[in-house]
Amino acid sequence: MKIEMLLQRLETEQARLAREALEHPSGREPFDYGRAVGMYAGLEHAKRTLIDMVAERETKDRFI
């Protein structure tokens, strides 16, 4: 699987999660808001980690 496809899938899931949280809030408790924000942030972290891993590999490949 190409990294671009994986990143696209994460972005699609992130957008779906954000849209769902806005259209159908699961509750009004701070926990519900925190859960939605945490899920979004987790997907963002996964995307950033993948991008960083690819950048590190490309840097190592240039110096080998």
Protein backbone atom coordinates (compact mmCIF):
# COMPACT_ATOMS: atom_id res chain seq x y z
CA MET A 1 0.00 0.00 0.00
CA LYS A 2 1.28 3.44 -0.89
CA ILE A 3 1.72 5.99 1.88
CA GLU A 4 -0.38 8.49 -0.09
CA MET A 5 -3.34 6.12 -0.05
CA LEU A 6 -3.01 5.62 3.69
CA LEU A 7 -2.80 9.35 4.35
CA GLN A 8 -5.84 9.95 2.13
CA ARG A 9 -7.80 7.33 4.06
CA LEU A 10 -6.84 8.93 7.40
CA GLU A 11 -7.89 12.36 6.11
CA THR A 12 -11.20 10.96 4.87
CA GLU A 13 -11.87 9.34 8.23
CA GLN A 14 -10.90 12.54 10.03
CA ALA A 15 -13.32 14.58 7.92
CA ARG A 16 -16.09 12.00 8.46
CA LEU A 17 -15.52 12.10 12.21
CA ALA A 18 -15.64 15.91 12.31
CA ARG A 19 -18.77 16.05 10.14
CA GLU A 20 -20.49 13.39 12.26
CA ALA A 21 -19.61 15.18 15.50
CA LEU A 22 -21.15 18.39 14.17
CA GLU A 23 -24.24 16.84 12.61
CA HIS A 24 -25.07 14.44 15.43
CA PRO A 25 -23.47 15.45 18.73
CA SER A 26 -23.32 12.37 20.94
CA GLY A 27 -24.00 14.33 24.10
CA ARG A 28 -23.54 17.57 25.90
CA GLU A 29 -21.12 16.37 28.54
CA PRO A 30 -17.50 17.56 28.53
CA PHE A 31 -16.49 13.91 28.10
CA ASP A 32 -18.35 13.70 24.78
CA TYR A 33 -16.63 16.81 23.48
CA GLY A 34 -13.26 15.58 24.73
CA ARG A 35 -13.76 12.21 23.06
CA ALA A 36 -14.53 13.80 19.68
CA VAL A 37 -11.57 16.18 19.95
CA GLY A 38 -9.30 13.33 21.04
CA MET A 39 -10.30 11.12 18.11
CA TYR A 40 -9.67 13.97 15.66
CA ALA A 41 -6.32 14.75 17.27
CA GLY A 42 -5.36 11.08 17.23
CA LEU A 43 -5.94 10.85 13.50
CA GLU A 44 -3.94 14.04 12.99
CA HIS A 45 -1.11 12.56 15.06
CA ALA A 46 -1.17 9.37 12.97
CA LYS A 47 -0.92 11.41 9.77
CA ARG A 48 1.98 13.49 11.13
CA THR A 49 3.79 10.35 12.30
CA LEU A 50 3.53 8.75 8.86
CA ILE A 51 4.77 11.89 7.15
CA ASP A 52 7.70 12.14 9.57
CA MET A 53 8.61 8.47 9.04
CA VAL A 54 8.70 8.94 5.27
CA ALA A 55 10.81 12.08 5.61
CA GLU A 56 13.29 10.27 7.89
CA ARG A 57 13.58 7.37 5.48
CA GLU A 58 14.14 9.68 2.52
CA THR A 59 16.85 11.53 4.47
CA LYS A 60 18.60 8.27 5.39
CA ASP A 61 18.39 7.03 1.81
CA ARG A 62 20.13 10.18 0.55
CA PHE A 63 23.07 9.74 2.89
CA ILE A 64 23.62 6.03 2.37
